[in-house]
Amino acid sequence: MIFPSNRVRILVATKAIDFRKGHDGLAALVASVLRKDPFTGTVFVFRSRRADRLKILYWDGTGLVMAYKRLESASFTWPAVKDGLMALNHAQFEALFAGLDWRRVKALEARPPAATE
């Protein structure tokens, strides 16, 4: 998948959306409902009511990019349905996108190496 670097912020909208929305509709939803700026490079992930589809929206610096994925014989593992946003790290997002249980993924803490003698 074409995806920005692993240093971007990934936010999941926990409430299902109308999947007829395109680029502009999702950007408007991010701005008005989620109260975030869709043009910062943050990746926004949206779910369908049936939990078998997701849409991704992000600004790459030159335009809005939207990706859509549908699982054929399973459903995605989503957080509880409620209003709001939830942050995922890059490893958790990769698991979600692959249809795996992202809750089982724990990323290692990135730290600078200790000084050597």
Protein backbone atom coordinates (compact mmCIF):
# COMPACT_ATOMS: atom_id res chain seq x y z
CA MET A 1 0.00 0.00 0.00
CA ILE A 2 1.19 3.52 -0.71
CA PHE A 3 1.37 5.07 2.72
CA PRO A 4 3.20 8.00 4.28
CA SER A 5 6.14 7.42 6.60
CA ASN A 6 5.72 5.66 9.91
CA ARG A 7 6.11 8.99 11.71
CA VAL A 8 2.66 10.29 10.79
CA ARG A 9 -0.15 10.47 13.30
CA ILE A 10 -2.96 7.94 12.71
CA LEU A 11 -6.43 8.68 14.09
CA VAL A 12 -9.39 6.30 13.89
CA ALA A 13 -12.91 7.71 13.90
CA THR A 14 -14.68 5.29 16.23
CA LYS A 15 -18.20 5.92 14.90
CA ALA A 16 -19.32 4.46 11.57
CA ILE A 17 -19.72 6.91 8.66
CA ASP A 18 -21.75 7.12 5.46
CA PHE A 19 -19.48 5.32 2.98
CA ARG A 20 -20.85 7.30 0.04
CA LYS A 21 -18.63 10.21 1.12
CA GLY A 22 -15.65 11.01 -1.06
CA HIS A 23 -12.54 13.14 -0.52
CA ASP A 24 -14.34 16.41 0.12
CA GLY A 25 -17.09 14.87 2.25
CA LEU A 26 -14.58 13.12 4.49
CA ALA A 27 -12.45 16.27 4.79
CA ALA A 28 -15.56 18.23 5.81
CA LEU A 29 -16.43 15.55 8.36
CA VAL A 30 -12.90 15.72 9.82
CA ALA A 31 -13.13 19.50 10.15
CA SER A 32 -16.70 19.87 11.39
CA VAL A 33 -17.40 16.72 13.43
CA LEU A 34 -13.97 15.57 14.57
CA ARG A 35 -12.65 19.15 15.01
CA LYS A 36 -9.31 18.36 13.33
CA ASP A 37 -7.52 19.90 10.36
CA PRO A 38 -7.58 17.41 7.46
CA PHE A 39 -4.65 19.17 5.76
CA THR A 40 -1.91 18.49 8.34
CA GLY A 41 -0.74 15.09 7.07
CA THR A 42 -2.55 13.20 9.82
CA VAL A 43 -4.03 9.92 8.57
CA PHE A 44 -7.75 9.54 9.32
CA VAL A 45 -9.29 6.04 9.27
CA PHE A 46 -13.06 5.58 8.94
CA ARG A 47 -15.20 2.47 9.37
CA SER A 48 -18.39 1.23 7.75
CA ARG A 49 -21.46 0.14 9.66
CA ARG A 50 -20.86 -3.53 8.80
CA ALA A 51 -17.19 -3.28 9.94
CA ASP A 52 -15.96 -5.02 6.78
CA ARG A 53 -14.78 -1.85 5.02
CA LEU A 54 -12.50 1.05 5.85
CA LYS A 55 -11.55 4.34 4.22
CA ILE A 56 -8.33 6.24 4.78
CA LEU A 57 -7.91 9.96 4.16
CA TYR A 58 -4.72 11.99 4.35
CA TRP A 59 -3.12 15.09 2.86
CA ASP A 60 0.22 14.31 1.17
CA GLY A 61 1.22 17.94 0.61
CA THR A 62 -0.17 18.16 -2.92
CA GLY A 63 -3.68 16.76 -2.54
CA LEU A 64 -6.06 14.59 -0.57
CA VAL A 65 -5.44 10.85 -0.84
CA MET A 66 -8.27 8.42 -0.15
CA ALA A 67 -7.91 4.65 0.04
CA TYR A 68 -10.70 2.09 0.41
CA LYS A 69 -10.45 -1.53 1.53
CA ARG A 70 -13.11 -4.22 1.81
CA LEU A 71 -12.49 -7.60 3.43
CA GLU A 72 -14.18 -10.39 1.50
CA SER A 73 -14.86 -12.98 4.21
CA ALA A 74 -14.15 -11.31 7.53
CA SER A 75 -14.52 -8.02 9.35
CA PHE A 76 -12.02 -5.58 10.79
CA THR A 77 -11.43 -5.39 14.53
CA TRP A 78 -12.67 -1.95 15.54
CA PRO A 79 -12.72 -0.08 18.83
CA ALA A 80 -16.07 0.30 20.59
CA VAL A 81 -18.56 2.39 18.61
CA LYS A 82 -18.84 5.84 20.19
CA ASP A 83 -18.23 9.43 19.20
CA GLY A 84 -14.61 10.42 19.06
CA LEU A 85 -11.15 9.55 17.87
CA MET A 86 -8.57 6.99 18.86
CA ALA A 87 -4.86 7.07 18.01
CA LEU A 88 -3.06 4.03 16.61
CA ASN A 89 0.66 3.58 16.16
CA HIS A 90 1.99 2.50 12.77
CA ALA A 91 2.27 -1.19 13.73
CA GLN A 92 -1.31 -1.26 15.04
CA PHE A 93 -2.56 0.40 11.85
CA GLU A 94 -0.73 -2.16 9.69
CA ALA A 95 -2.41 -4.96 11.67
CA LEU A 96 -5.84 -3.31 11.34
CA PHE A 97 -5.35 -2.82 7.58
CA ALA A 98 -4.35 -6.48 7.19
CA GLY A 99 -7.52 -7.58 8.98
CA LEU A 100 -5.66 -8.70 12.12
CA ASP A 101 -6.50 -7.87 15.73
CA TRP A 102 -4.56 -4.62 16.21
CA ARG A 103 -5.13 -4.73 19.99
CA ARG A 104 -2.52 -7.49 20.26
CA VAL A 105 0.21 -5.38 18.64
CA LYS A 106 2.56 -3.56 20.99
CA ALA A 107 5.20 -1.35 19.41
CA LEU A 108 8.58 -1.10 21.04
CA GLU A 109 9.45 2.23 22.58
CA ALA A 110 11.92 4.09 20.38
CA ARG A 111 14.86 5.30 22.46
CA PRO A 112 18.31 6.53 21.57
CA PRO A 113 21.06 4.01 22.30
CA ALA A 114 22.90 4.22 25.59
CA ALA A 115 26.41 5.67 25.40
CA THR A 116 29.10 3.06 24.90
CA GLU A 117 32.53 3.14 26.44
